[in-house]
Amino acid sequence: MSQHVYKIRRAFLIPLGVDVFLLCALFVISMLPQGSATERLVFALFFVPSLYVFFECLLRRVTVDGGGIVIRKLLREKRVLWEGITHVGGLSIHNKVYLLLTTVNGFFIISNAYERFSDLVEEIVSRVDRTKVEEEVRLQAGHSPSGIVHTALAWTAAAFMVGIILIKMLPLMA
């Protein structure tokens, strides 16, 4: 049987990686003699969680094969057999779409942050018993919102951080 791997969209990972790099640069700049302890604390409080989120997104995978679904996150992996899925639900909030897989062992949430999300939904719908799938999910299989808002926000944050870096570095260059 064929196996399909779905990852977090590269269009989001790239600006998120840029944001983490720029936060690291701001943290390093705050270590210079003219940086204050408050700056170091604030940049560390933003940098460390952002680094974790970046690695979490970078390593996140959903693998679909003939036996079921494997959901991989940072340091975790869960396998769900097709027979173990008791309900497939969907939720749309603005441009964000969530797929809720209820199983005998709990539930799993998959968002439209994954590349080819509509293909993923279509594949799940085609392998799970029709009586267990909500009608809204079947409609979602044909299309899903692009989720470009988070990407735009990540690029906006990068632009602001570049501005902060320039403001911090101009006095050093003078």
N, C-alpha and C. Protein backbone atom coordinates (compact mmCIF):
# COMPACT_ATOMS: atom_id res chain seq x y z
N MET A 1 0.84 -1.18 0.00
CA MET A 1 0.00 0.00 0.00
C MET A 1 0.88 1.25 0.00
N SER A 2 0.36 2.28 -0.60
CA SER A 2 1.14 3.52 -0.65
C SER A 2 1.01 4.28 0.67
N GLN A 3 2.00 5.08 0.91
CA GLN A 3 2.07 5.86 2.14
C GLN A 3 2.21 7.32 1.76
N HIS A 4 1.41 8.19 2.35
CA HIS A 4 1.49 9.62 2.08
C HIS A 4 1.87 10.35 3.36
N VAL A 5 2.84 11.26 3.22
CA VAL A 5 3.32 12.03 4.37
C VAL A 5 2.92 13.49 4.16
N TYR A 6 2.31 14.06 5.19
CA TYR A 6 1.88 15.45 5.16
C TYR A 6 2.67 16.21 6.22
N LYS A 7 3.25 17.34 5.82
CA LYS A 7 4.07 18.16 6.73
C LYS A 7 3.43 19.53 6.86
N ILE A 8 3.90 20.29 7.85
CA ILE A 8 3.45 21.67 8.00
C ILE A 8 3.92 22.46 6.78
N ARG A 9 3.07 23.37 6.32
CA ARG A 9 3.38 24.13 5.10
C ARG A 9 4.71 24.86 5.19
N ARG A 10 5.47 24.73 4.13
CA ARG A 10 6.76 25.42 4.03
C ARG A 10 6.57 26.94 4.02
N ALA A 11 5.44 27.40 3.47
CA ALA A 11 5.16 28.83 3.42
C ALA A 11 5.04 29.42 4.82
N PHE A 12 4.74 28.61 5.82
CA PHE A 12 4.70 29.07 7.21
C PHE A 12 6.03 28.80 7.92
N LEU A 13 6.67 27.68 7.61
CA LEU A 13 7.92 27.32 8.28
C LEU A 13 9.04 28.32 7.99
N ILE A 14 9.10 28.82 6.77
CA ILE A 14 10.18 29.74 6.40
C ILE A 14 10.11 31.04 7.21
N PRO A 15 8.96 31.74 7.24
CA PRO A 15 8.95 32.96 8.05
C PRO A 15 9.07 32.68 9.55
N LEU A 16 8.59 31.53 10.00
CA LEU A 16 8.77 31.18 11.41
C LEU A 16 10.25 30.98 11.72
N GLY A 17 10.98 30.34 10.83
CA GLY A 17 12.42 30.17 11.01
C GLY A 17 13.15 31.51 10.99
N VAL A 18 12.73 32.41 10.12
CA VAL A 18 13.31 33.75 10.07
C VAL A 18 13.04 34.48 11.38
N ASP A 19 11.82 34.35 11.90
CA ASP A 19 11.49 34.98 13.18
C ASP A 19 12.38 34.45 14.31
N VAL A 20 12.58 33.15 14.35
CA VAL A 20 13.43 32.56 15.40
C VAL A 20 14.87 33.07 15.27
N PHE A 21 15.37 33.13 14.04
CA PHE A 21 16.72 33.63 13.81
C PHE A 21 16.84 35.09 14.27
N LEU A 22 15.85 35.91 13.93
CA LEU A 22 15.90 37.32 14.31
C LEU A 22 15.77 37.48 15.82
N LEU A 23 14.96 36.66 16.47
CA LEU A 23 14.87 36.70 17.93
C LEU A 23 16.20 36.31 18.57
N CYS A 24 16.87 35.34 17.98
CA CYS A 24 18.19 34.94 18.46
C CYS A 24 19.16 36.12 18.31
N ALA A 25 19.10 36.80 17.16
CA ALA A 25 19.97 37.95 16.94
C ALA A 25 19.68 39.05 17.95
N LEU A 26 18.41 39.30 18.23
CA LEU A 26 18.05 40.31 19.22
C LEU A 26 18.55 39.91 20.61
N PHE A 27 18.45 38.64 20.93
CA PHE A 27 18.94 38.16 22.23
C PHE A 27 20.45 38.37 22.34
N VAL A 28 21.17 38.05 21.27
CA VAL A 28 22.64 38.23 21.26
C VAL A 28 22.99 39.71 21.37
N ILE A 29 22.26 40.56 20.64
CA ILE A 29 22.51 42.00 20.70
C ILE A 29 22.25 42.52 22.11
N SER A 30 21.25 41.97 22.79
CA SER A 30 20.95 42.43 24.15
C SER A 30 22.05 42.04 25.14
N MET A 31 22.91 41.10 24.75
CA MET A 31 24.03 40.69 25.61
C MET A 31 25.19 41.69 25.56
N LEU A 32 25.18 42.58 24.58
CA LEU A 32 26.23 43.60 24.47
C LEU A 32 26.16 44.51 25.69
N PRO A 33 27.26 45.20 26.00
CA PRO A 33 27.31 46.01 27.24
C PRO A 33 26.18 47.03 27.39
N GLN A 34 25.69 47.61 26.30
CA GLN A 34 24.63 48.61 26.45
C GLN A 34 23.24 47.98 26.59
N GLY A 35 23.13 46.66 26.49
CA GLY A 35 21.86 45.98 26.67
C GLY A 35 21.51 45.86 28.15
N SER A 36 20.24 45.96 28.45
CA SER A 36 19.81 45.88 29.85
C SER A 36 19.38 44.45 30.20
N ALA A 37 19.29 44.21 31.49
CA ALA A 37 18.85 42.89 31.96
C ALA A 37 17.40 42.63 31.55
N THR A 38 16.60 43.67 31.53
CA THR A 38 15.20 43.53 31.11
C THR A 38 15.10 43.10 29.65
N GLU A 39 15.93 43.72 28.79
CA GLU A 39 15.96 43.32 27.38
C GLU A 39 16.33 41.85 27.24
N ARG A 40 17.37 41.45 27.94
CA ARG A 40 17.79 40.04 27.87
C ARG A 40 16.67 39.11 28.29
N LEU A 41 15.99 39.45 29.36
CA LEU A 41 14.90 38.63 29.86
C LEU A 41 13.75 38.57 28.85
N VAL A 42 13.36 39.71 28.31
CA VAL A 42 12.25 39.75 27.36
C VAL A 42 12.59 38.96 26.09
N PHE A 43 13.79 39.17 25.54
CA PHE A 43 14.15 38.45 24.32
C PHE A 43 14.32 36.96 24.58
N ALA A 44 14.80 36.59 25.74
CA ALA A 44 14.91 35.16 26.09
C ALA A 44 13.52 34.55 26.23
N LEU A 45 12.59 35.29 26.84
CA LEU A 45 11.22 34.78 27.01
C LEU A 45 10.50 34.60 25.67
N PHE A 46 10.89 35.36 24.66
CA PHE A 46 10.31 35.17 23.33
C PHE A 46 11.09 34.14 22.51
N PHE A 47 12.41 34.15 22.64
CA PHE A 47 13.24 33.28 21.81
C PHE A 47 13.07 31.80 22.14
N VAL A 48 13.14 31.44 23.41
CA VAL A 48 13.10 30.02 23.80
C VAL A 48 11.79 29.35 23.37
N PRO A 49 10.62 29.91 23.68
CA PRO A 49 9.38 29.25 23.22
C PRO A 49 9.27 29.24 21.69
N SER A 50 9.74 30.31 21.03
CA SER A 50 9.68 30.35 19.56
C SER A 50 10.55 29.26 18.95
N LEU A 51 11.71 29.03 19.54
CA LEU A 51 12.58 27.96 19.06
C LEU A 51 11.90 26.60 19.21
N TYR A 52 11.24 26.39 20.35
CA TYR A 52 10.51 25.14 20.57
C TYR A 52 9.38 24.97 19.55
N VAL A 53 8.60 26.03 19.33
CA VAL A 53 7.50 25.97 18.36
C VAL A 53 8.03 25.68 16.96
N PHE A 54 9.16 26.30 16.60
CA PHE A 54 9.74 26.06 15.28
C PHE A 54 10.11 24.60 15.11
N PHE A 55 10.82 24.03 16.09
CA PHE A 55 11.18 22.61 15.98
C PHE A 55 9.96 21.71 16.01
N GLU A 56 8.97 22.06 16.80
CA GLU A 56 7.72 21.29 16.84
C GLU A 56 7.07 21.27 15.45
N CYS A 57 6.98 22.42 14.82
CA CYS A 57 6.38 22.50 13.48
C CYS A 57 7.24 21.82 12.42
N LEU A 58 8.55 21.97 12.55
CA LEU A 58 9.47 21.38 11.58
C LEU A 58 9.39 19.85 11.58
N LEU A 59 9.22 19.25 12.75
CA LEU A 59 9.21 17.79 12.87
C LEU A 59 7.82 17.18 12.83
N ARG A 60 6.78 17.98 12.78
CA ARG A 60 5.41 17.47 12.80
C ARG A 60 5.07 16.82 11.46
N ARG A 61 4.49 15.63 11.53
CA ARG A 61 4.12 14.86 10.34
C ARG A 61 2.82 14.10 10.59
N VAL A 62 2.05 13.94 9.54
CA VAL A 62 0.92 13.02 9.55
C VAL A 62 1.16 12.06 8.39
N THR A 63 1.27 10.78 8.71
CA THR A 63 1.52 9.76 7.69
C THR A 63 0.27 8.89 7.58
N VAL A 64 -0.22 8.76 6.36
CA VAL A 64 -1.41 7.95 6.11
C VAL A 64 -1.01 6.75 5.26
N ASP A 65 -1.38 5.56 5.72
CA ASP A 65 -1.12 4.36 4.93
C ASP A 65 -2.32 3.42 5.03
N GLY A 66 -2.19 2.24 4.52
CA GLY A 66 -3.30 1.29 4.50
C GLY A 66 -3.78 0.87 5.87
N GLY A 67 -2.91 0.89 6.86
CA GLY A 67 -3.28 0.45 8.19
C GLY A 67 -3.90 1.53 9.06
N GLY A 68 -3.56 2.78 8.81
CA GLY A 68 -4.09 3.86 9.64
C GLY A 68 -3.30 5.14 9.48
N ILE A 69 -3.29 5.93 10.54
CA ILE A 69 -2.63 7.23 10.54
C ILE A 69 -1.57 7.25 11.65
N VAL A 70 -0.41 7.80 11.32
CA VAL A 70 0.63 8.02 12.32
C VAL A 70 0.81 9.53 12.45
N ILE A 71 0.63 10.04 13.66
CA ILE A 71 0.79 11.47 13.93
C ILE A 71 2.07 11.64 14.72
N ARG A 72 3.05 12.33 14.11
CA ARG A 72 4.35 12.55 14.75
C ARG A 72 4.48 14.01 15.16
N LYS A 73 4.89 14.19 16.40
CA LYS A 73 5.21 15.51 16.93
C LYS A 73 6.59 15.41 17.53
N LEU A 74 7.10 16.51 18.03
CA LEU A 74 8.41 16.52 18.66
C LEU A 74 8.43 15.54 19.83
N LEU A 75 9.28 14.52 19.75
CA LEU A 75 9.47 13.51 20.79
C LEU A 75 8.24 12.64 21.07
N ARG A 76 7.23 12.66 20.19
CA ARG A 76 6.03 11.85 20.39
C ARG A 76 5.57 11.27 19.07
N GLU A 77 4.92 10.12 19.16
CA GLU A 77 4.34 9.49 17.98
C GLU A 77 3.13 8.68 18.40
N LYS A 78 2.02 8.85 17.69
CA LYS A 78 0.79 8.11 17.97
C LYS A 78 0.31 7.46 16.68
N ARG A 79 -0.09 6.21 16.79
CA ARG A 79 -0.63 5.49 15.65
C ARG A 79 -2.11 5.21 15.91
N VAL A 80 -2.94 5.47 14.91
CA VAL A 80 -4.37 5.21 14.99
C VAL A 80 -4.75 4.31 13.83
N LEU A 81 -5.30 3.16 14.14
CA LEU A 81 -5.78 2.25 13.09
C LEU A 81 -7.11 2.76 12.56
N TRP A 82 -7.41 2.47 11.31
CA TRP A 82 -8.66 2.92 10.70
C TRP A 82 -9.86 2.40 11.48
N GLU A 83 -9.77 1.17 11.98
CA GLU A 83 -10.87 0.58 12.72
C GLU A 83 -11.06 1.25 14.08
N GLY A 84 -10.02 1.89 14.59
CA GLY A 84 -10.07 2.54 15.90
C GLY A 84 -10.70 3.92 15.88
N ILE A 85 -10.95 4.46 14.69
CA ILE A 85 -11.56 5.79 14.58
C ILE A 85 -13.07 5.64 14.72
N THR A 86 -13.61 6.29 15.74
CA THR A 86 -15.05 6.18 15.99
C THR A 86 -15.85 7.35 15.43
N HIS A 87 -15.19 8.48 15.19
CA HIS A 87 -15.89 9.64 14.66
C HIS A 87 -14.88 10.60 14.03
N VAL A 88 -15.27 11.20 12.90
CA VAL A 88 -14.46 12.23 12.24
C VAL A 88 -15.31 13.49 12.16
N GLY A 89 -14.89 14.52 12.88
CA GLY A 89 -15.62 15.79 12.88
C GLY A 89 -14.76 16.91 12.35
N GLY A 90 -15.40 18.01 12.05
CA GLY A 90 -14.69 19.16 11.53
C GLY A 90 -15.17 20.43 12.17
N LEU A 91 -14.29 21.41 12.23
CA LEU A 91 -14.61 22.71 12.79
C LEU A 91 -13.90 23.77 11.97
N SER A 92 -14.65 24.77 11.54
CA SER A 92 -14.07 25.89 10.79
C SER A 92 -14.24 27.17 11.60
N ILE A 93 -13.13 27.83 11.87
CA ILE A 93 -13.15 29.11 12.56
C ILE A 93 -12.37 30.09 11.70
N HIS A 94 -13.07 31.03 11.10
CA HIS A 94 -12.48 32.00 10.18
C HIS A 94 -11.74 31.23 9.07
N ASN A 95 -10.43 31.41 8.94
CA ASN A 95 -9.67 30.72 7.90
C ASN A 95 -8.95 29.49 8.43
N LYS A 96 -9.27 29.06 9.62
CA LYS A 96 -8.63 27.89 10.23
C LYS A 96 -9.63 26.74 10.23
N VAL A 97 -9.17 25.58 9.79
CA VAL A 97 -10.01 24.39 9.74
C VAL A 97 -9.35 23.31 10.59
N TYR A 98 -10.14 22.67 11.42
CA TYR A 98 -9.64 21.59 12.27
C TYR A 98 -10.40 20.32 11.96
N LEU A 99 -9.68 19.23 11.89
CA LEU A 99 -10.25 17.91 11.71
C LEU A 99 -10.08 17.17 13.03
N LEU A 100 -11.16 16.70 13.60
CA LEU A 100 -11.13 16.02 14.89
C LEU A 100 -11.36 14.54 14.68
N LEU A 101 -10.34 13.74 15.02
CA LEU A 101 -10.45 12.29 14.92
C LEU A 101 -10.67 11.73 16.32
N THR A 102 -11.83 11.18 16.57
CA THR A 102 -12.12 10.58 17.87
C THR A 102 -11.85 9.09 17.75
N THR A 103 -11.12 8.55 18.73
CA THR A 103 -10.78 7.13 18.72
C THR A 103 -11.16 6.52 20.07
N VAL A 104 -10.98 5.23 20.19
CA VAL A 104 -11.26 4.56 21.45
C VAL A 104 -10.26 4.98 22.53
N ASN A 105 -9.10 5.50 22.15
CA ASN A 105 -8.05 5.90 23.09
C ASN A 105 -7.96 7.41 23.31
N GLY A 106 -8.86 8.18 22.75
CA GLY A 106 -8.80 9.63 22.88
C GLY A 106 -9.14 10.31 21.56
N PHE A 107 -8.63 11.51 21.38
CA PHE A 107 -8.90 12.22 20.14
C PHE A 107 -7.64 12.92 19.65
N PHE A 108 -7.64 13.22 18.35
CA PHE A 108 -6.51 13.88 17.71
C PHE A 108 -7.05 15.02 16.86
N ILE A 109 -6.33 16.13 16.87
CA ILE A 109 -6.74 17.30 16.10
C ILE A 109 -5.69 17.56 15.02
N ILE A 110 -6.16 17.71 13.80
CA ILE A 110 -5.30 18.01 12.67
C ILE A 110 -5.81 19.31 12.05
N SER A 111 -4.92 20.28 11.86
CA SER A 111 -5.36 21.58 11.33
C SER A 111 -4.96 21.71 9.86
N ASN A 112 -5.46 22.78 9.25
CA ASN A 112 -5.12 23.02 7.85
C ASN A 112 -3.76 23.68 7.69
N ALA A 113 -2.92 23.61 8.72
CA ALA A 113 -1.54 24.09 8.61
C ALA A 113 -0.69 23.11 7.79
N TYR A 114 -1.22 21.92 7.54
CA TYR A 114 -0.48 20.92 6.77
C TYR A 114 -0.61 21.19 5.28
N GLU A 115 0.47 20.90 4.55
CA GLU A 115 0.44 21.00 3.09
C GLU A 115 -0.57 19.99 2.56
N ARG A 116 -1.23 20.34 1.48
CA ARG A 116 -2.20 19.46 0.83
C ARG A 116 -3.26 18.96 1.82
N PHE A 117 -3.77 19.86 2.65
CA PHE A 117 -4.73 19.49 3.68
C PHE A 117 -5.99 18.87 3.10
N SER A 118 -6.46 19.41 1.99
CA SER A 118 -7.68 18.84 1.38
C SER A 118 -7.44 17.41 0.92
N ASP A 119 -6.23 17.09 0.44
CA ASP A 119 -5.92 15.70 0.07
C ASP A 119 -5.90 14.81 1.30
N LEU A 120 -5.37 15.32 2.41
CA LEU A 120 -5.35 14.58 3.66
C LEU A 120 -6.76 14.26 4.13
N VAL A 121 -7.63 15.27 4.10
CA VAL A 121 -9.02 15.07 4.52
C VAL A 121 -9.70 14.07 3.60
N GLU A 122 -9.48 14.21 2.31
CA GLU A 122 -10.08 13.30 1.33
C GLU A 122 -9.63 11.86 1.58
N GLU A 123 -8.36 11.69 1.88
CA GLU A 123 -7.84 10.35 2.13
C GLU A 123 -8.44 9.74 3.40
N ILE A 124 -8.58 10.55 4.44
CA ILE A 124 -9.19 10.05 5.68
C ILE A 124 -10.65 9.70 5.46
N VAL A 125 -11.38 10.58 4.78
CA VAL A 125 -12.80 10.33 4.51
C VAL A 125 -12.99 9.06 3.69
N SER A 126 -12.11 8.81 2.73
CA SER A 126 -12.26 7.63 1.88
C SER A 126 -11.95 6.32 2.61
N ARG A 127 -11.22 6.37 3.72
CA ARG A 127 -10.83 5.16 4.42
C ARG A 127 -11.65 4.87 5.68
N VAL A 128 -12.39 5.86 6.16
CA VAL A 128 -13.20 5.67 7.36
C VAL A 128 -14.64 5.40 6.93
N ASP A 129 -15.34 4.57 7.70
CA ASP A 129 -16.74 4.24 7.43
C ASP A 129 -17.57 5.52 7.31
N ARG A 130 -18.41 5.62 6.28
CA ARG A 130 -19.19 6.83 5.99
C ARG A 130 -20.06 7.26 7.17
N THR A 131 -20.53 6.33 7.95
CA THR A 131 -21.41 6.67 9.07
C THR A 131 -20.66 7.38 10.19
N LYS A 132 -19.35 7.31 10.19
CA LYS A 132 -18.54 7.93 11.24
C LYS A 132 -18.03 9.32 10.86
N VAL A 133 -18.33 9.75 9.63
CA VAL A 133 -17.81 11.02 9.13
C VAL A 133 -18.93 12.04 9.02
N GLU A 134 -18.73 13.22 9.63
CA GLU A 134 -19.71 14.30 9.52
C GLU A 134 -19.76 14.83 8.09
N GLU A 135 -20.93 15.36 7.72
CA GLU A 135 -21.12 15.90 6.38
C GLU A 135 -20.19 17.08 6.11
N GLU A 136 -19.97 17.91 7.12
CA GLU A 136 -19.09 19.07 6.96
C GLU A 136 -17.67 18.65 6.57
N VAL A 137 -17.23 17.52 7.09
CA VAL A 137 -15.89 17.02 6.76
C VAL A 137 -15.84 16.58 5.31
N ARG A 138 -16.89 15.94 4.83
CA ARG A 138 -16.93 15.53 3.41
C ARG A 138 -16.85 16.74 2.50
N LEU A 139 -17.54 17.83 2.89
CA LEU A 139 -17.47 19.05 2.09
C LEU A 139 -16.07 19.66 2.14
N GLN A 140 -15.40 19.52 3.27
CA GLN A 140 -14.06 20.06 3.46
C GLN A 140 -13.03 19.33 2.59
N ALA A 141 -13.34 18.08 2.23
CA ALA A 141 -12.39 17.30 1.43
C ALA A 141 -12.13 17.95 0.08
N GLY A 142 -13.09 18.64 -0.47
CA GLY A 142 -12.91 19.27 -1.77
C GLY A 142 -12.07 20.52 -1.74
N HIS A 143 -12.14 21.26 -0.65
CA HIS A 143 -11.38 22.51 -0.56
C HIS A 143 -11.18 22.88 0.91
N SER A 144 -10.20 23.68 1.14
CA SER A 144 -9.99 24.23 2.48
C SER A 144 -9.34 25.59 2.35
N PRO A 145 -9.59 26.48 3.31
CA PRO A 145 -8.95 27.80 3.25
C PRO A 145 -7.44 27.66 3.29
N SER A 146 -6.77 28.61 2.69
CA SER A 146 -5.31 28.51 2.56
C SER A 146 -4.57 28.75 3.85
N GLY A 147 -5.15 29.46 4.79
CA GLY A 147 -4.47 29.72 6.06
C GLY A 147 -3.28 30.66 5.91
N ILE A 148 -3.40 31.63 5.03
CA ILE A 148 -2.30 32.54 4.74
C ILE A 148 -2.11 33.59 5.84
N VAL A 149 -3.10 33.76 6.72
CA VAL A 149 -3.04 34.78 7.75
C VAL A 149 -1.84 34.58 8.67
N HIS A 150 -1.60 33.35 9.11
CA HIS A 150 -0.48 33.08 10.02
C HIS A 150 0.86 33.34 9.34
N THR A 151 0.94 33.04 8.07
CA THR A 151 2.16 33.31 7.32
C THR A 151 2.41 34.82 7.22
N ALA A 152 1.36 35.57 6.93
CA ALA A 152 1.50 37.03 6.84
C ALA A 152 1.89 37.63 8.19
N LEU A 153 1.31 37.11 9.27
CA LEU A 153 1.68 37.60 10.60
C LEU A 153 3.14 37.29 10.93
N ALA A 154 3.61 36.13 10.54
CA ALA A 154 5.01 35.76 10.80
C ALA A 154 5.96 36.68 10.03
N TRP A 155 5.62 37.01 8.77
CA TRP A 155 6.46 37.94 8.00
C TRP A 155 6.40 39.35 8.60
N THR A 156 5.23 39.75 9.10
CA THR A 156 5.10 41.06 9.73
C THR A 156 5.97 41.14 10.98
N ALA A 157 5.96 40.07 11.78
CA ALA A 157 6.82 40.02 12.98
C ALA A 157 8.29 40.12 12.58
N ALA A 158 8.67 39.47 11.49
CA ALA A 158 10.05 39.54 11.03
C ALA A 158 10.41 40.98 10.64
N ALA A 159 9.50 41.67 9.97
CA ALA A 159 9.77 43.06 9.58
C ALA A 159 9.96 43.95 10.81
N PHE A 160 9.12 43.75 11.82
CA PHE A 160 9.27 44.53 13.06
C PHE A 160 10.59 44.23 13.74
N MET A 161 10.99 42.97 13.76
CA MET A 161 12.26 42.62 14.41
C MET A 161 13.45 43.19 13.66
N VAL A 162 13.38 43.22 12.33
CA VAL A 162 14.46 43.86 11.56
C VAL A 162 14.54 45.34 11.93
N GLY A 163 13.38 45.98 12.09
CA GLY A 163 13.36 47.38 12.51
C GLY A 163 13.99 47.56 13.88
N ILE A 164 13.69 46.68 14.81
CA ILE A 164 14.27 46.76 16.16
C ILE A 164 15.78 46.56 16.10
N ILE A 165 16.22 45.61 15.28
CA ILE A 165 17.66 45.37 15.14
C ILE A 165 18.35 46.60 14.58
N LEU A 166 17.76 47.22 13.58
CA LEU A 166 18.34 48.44 13.01
C LEU A 166 18.41 49.55 14.04
N ILE A 167 17.35 49.71 14.82
CA ILE A 167 17.35 50.75 15.85
C ILE A 167 18.42 50.48 16.90
N LYS A 168 18.60 49.21 17.26
CA LYS A 168 19.59 48.86 18.27
C LYS A 168 21.02 48.98 17.72
N MET A 169 21.22 48.74 16.44
CA MET A 169 22.56 48.73 15.87
C MET A 169 23.03 50.10 15.39
N LEU A 170 22.14 51.03 15.07
CA LEU A 170 22.54 52.34 14.56
C LEU A 170 23.43 53.09 15.54
N PRO A 171 23.11 53.13 16.84
CA PRO A 171 24.03 53.82 17.74
C PRO A 171 25.42 53.18 17.81
N LEU A 172 25.51 51.88 17.59
CA LEU A 172 26.80 51.20 17.63
C LEU A 172 27.66 51.55 16.42
N MET A 173 27.01 51.85 15.30
CA MET A 173 27.73 52.16 14.07
C MET A 173 28.18 53.62 14.01
N ALA A 174 27.57 54.47 14.82
CA ALA A 174 27.89 55.90 14.78
C ALA A 174 29.17 56.22 15.52
